[in-house]
Amino acid sequence: MNIVFLILASVGAGLLGAMGMGGGGILVIFLAMCTDLPQSTAQGINLLFFIPIGILSIIMYHRERLIKWKVVLPFAVFGVCTSLLGAYISNSIDDIWLRRGFGILLLIMAIKEFFSKCEKDADSK
């Protein structure tokens, strides 16, 4: 695989993720389908991309005083703990089941988004 193509795909996924468009999901799909990486490695790389974007987002929202830390901190602690648990579990699951689970999750999200858009369009008329 051409390194320039990999870099462009990673930058594109990062930009989409920074705009809230699900770039991480796109990156996982790209890495799992277009490279020889196992699903668990693709998901791990996606998490590594999330860390700097998340830190930058925290800094920007904190500057604007949009973060209610008393509300956020319990969710952050729980999120970190469950992420570690999820990483441990994903390492013990066969790669084919991770791919299938990820595919099912994307399908459920797509269906939910499709019908929520239809409801919003119907409400605005």
Protein backbone atom coordinates (compact mmCIF):
# COMPACT_ATOMS: atom_id res chain seq x y z
CA MET A 1 0.00 0.00 0.00
CA ASN A 2 1.32 3.41 -0.96
CA ILE A 3 2.39 5.39 2.14
CA VAL A 4 1.05 8.65 0.64
CA PHE A 5 -2.39 7.04 0.23
CA LEU A 6 -2.30 5.84 3.85
CA ILE A 7 -1.35 9.31 5.10
CA LEU A 8 -4.08 10.99 3.04
CA ALA A 9 -6.70 8.53 4.30
CA SER A 10 -5.57 9.10 7.89
CA VAL A 11 -5.61 12.89 7.55
CA GLY A 12 -9.02 12.78 5.87
CA ALA A 13 -10.45 10.58 8.62
CA GLY A 14 -8.94 12.88 11.24
CA LEU A 15 -10.48 15.95 9.63
CA LEU A 16 -13.89 14.30 9.37
CA GLY A 17 -13.63 13.20 12.99
CA ALA A 18 -12.69 16.71 14.10
CA MET A 19 -15.83 18.00 12.38
CA GLY A 20 -17.98 15.40 14.13
CA MET A 21 -18.66 13.35 11.01
CA GLY A 22 -17.48 9.94 12.19
CA GLY A 23 -13.98 9.99 10.78
CA GLY A 24 -12.94 7.31 13.26
CA GLY A 25 -15.42 4.85 11.82
CA ILE A 26 -14.16 5.62 8.34
CA LEU A 27 -10.56 5.11 9.46
CA VAL A 28 -11.36 1.72 11.00
CA ILE A 29 -13.15 0.59 7.85
CA PHE A 30 -10.30 1.79 5.65
CA LEU A 31 -7.60 0.15 7.75
CA ALA A 32 -9.49 -3.13 8.11
CA MET A 33 -10.46 -3.44 4.44
CA CYS A 34 -7.61 -1.79 2.54
CA THR A 35 -4.64 -2.97 4.58
CA ASP A 36 -3.57 -6.27 6.10
CA LEU A 37 -4.18 -4.99 9.63
CA PRO A 38 -6.41 -7.05 11.90
CA GLN A 39 -9.62 -5.41 13.13
CA SER A 40 -8.31 -5.04 16.68
CA THR A 41 -5.21 -3.17 15.45
CA ALA A 42 -7.36 -0.91 13.22
CA GLN A 43 -9.56 -0.08 16.21
CA GLY A 44 -6.49 0.60 18.36
CA ILE A 45 -5.08 3.00 15.78
CA ASN A 46 -8.44 4.76 15.71
CA LEU A 47 -8.25 5.21 19.48
CA LEU A 48 -4.77 6.69 19.15
CA PHE A 49 -6.14 9.25 16.66
CA PHE A 50 -8.91 10.10 19.11
CA ILE A 51 -6.55 11.08 21.95
CA PRO A 52 -5.05 14.29 20.42
CA ILE A 53 -8.40 15.31 18.92
CA GLY A 54 -10.09 14.79 22.29
CA ILE A 55 -7.43 16.80 24.13
CA LEU A 56 -7.71 19.64 21.63
CA SER A 57 -11.50 19.61 21.94
CA ILE A 58 -11.29 19.75 25.74
CA ILE A 59 -8.95 22.74 25.56
CA MET A 60 -11.18 24.59 23.11
CA TYR A 61 -14.43 23.92 24.99
CA HIS A 62 -12.79 24.74 28.34
CA ARG A 63 -11.63 28.12 27.00
CA GLU A 64 -15.21 28.89 26.02
CA ARG A 65 -16.40 27.75 29.47
CA LEU A 66 -18.70 25.17 27.90
CA ILE A 67 -17.63 22.24 30.09
CA LYS A 68 -19.44 21.53 33.36
CA TRP A 69 -16.66 19.65 35.13
CA LYS A 70 -18.87 18.31 37.94
CA VAL A 71 -20.97 16.54 35.31
CA VAL A 72 -18.11 15.53 33.02
CA LEU A 73 -15.65 14.00 35.48
CA PRO A 74 -17.76 10.97 36.54
CA PHE A 75 -18.47 10.20 32.88
CA ALA A 76 -14.78 10.58 32.00
CA VAL A 77 -13.67 8.22 34.77
CA PHE A 78 -16.29 5.66 33.81
CA GLY A 79 -15.40 6.05 30.12
CA VAL A 80 -11.70 5.44 30.73
CA CYS A 81 -12.41 2.37 32.87
CA THR A 82 -14.83 0.84 30.38
CA SER A 83 -12.45 1.63 27.50
CA LEU A 84 -9.72 -0.34 29.23
CA LEU A 85 -12.16 -3.19 29.83
CA GLY A 86 -13.26 -3.06 26.18
CA ALA A 87 -9.64 -3.17 24.99
CA TYR A 88 -9.00 -6.20 27.18
CA ILE A 89 -12.12 -7.97 25.92
CA SER A 90 -11.42 -7.14 22.27
CA ASN A 91 -8.00 -8.78 22.54
CA SER A 92 -9.65 -12.03 23.60
CA ILE A 93 -12.20 -12.07 20.75
CA ASP A 94 -11.43 -13.58 17.36
CA ASP A 95 -10.91 -10.95 14.64
CA ILE A 96 -13.86 -12.16 12.52
CA TRP A 97 -16.25 -11.54 15.42
CA LEU A 98 -14.83 -8.06 15.97
CA ARG A 99 -15.42 -7.28 12.29
CA ARG A 100 -18.96 -8.61 12.42
CA GLY A 101 -19.74 -6.74 15.62
CA PHE A 102 -18.33 -3.51 14.21
CA GLY A 103 -20.35 -3.99 11.01
CA ILE A 104 -23.55 -4.60 12.96
CA LEU A 105 -22.91 -1.51 15.08
CA LEU A 106 -22.41 0.62 11.96
CA LEU A 107 -25.60 -0.78 10.43
CA ILE A 108 -27.61 -0.02 13.57
CA MET A 109 -26.20 3.52 13.69
CA ALA A 110 -26.99 4.08 9.99
CA ILE A 111 -30.59 2.90 10.43
CA LYS A 112 -31.03 5.06 13.53
CA GLU A 113 -29.61 8.12 11.75
CA PHE A 114 -31.77 7.52 8.68
CA PHE A 115 -34.98 7.35 10.67
CA SER A 116 -34.07 10.25 12.98
CA LYS A 117 -33.48 12.44 9.89
CA CYS A 118 -36.87 11.40 8.51
CA GLU A 119 -38.57 12.30 11.80
CA LYS A 120 -36.84 15.70 11.92
CA ASP A 121 -37.84 16.45 8.33
CA ALA A 122 -41.46 15.47 9.04
CA ASP A 123 -41.52 17.66 12.19
CA SER A 124 -40.23 20.71 10.31
CA LYS A 125 -43.09 20.64 7.77
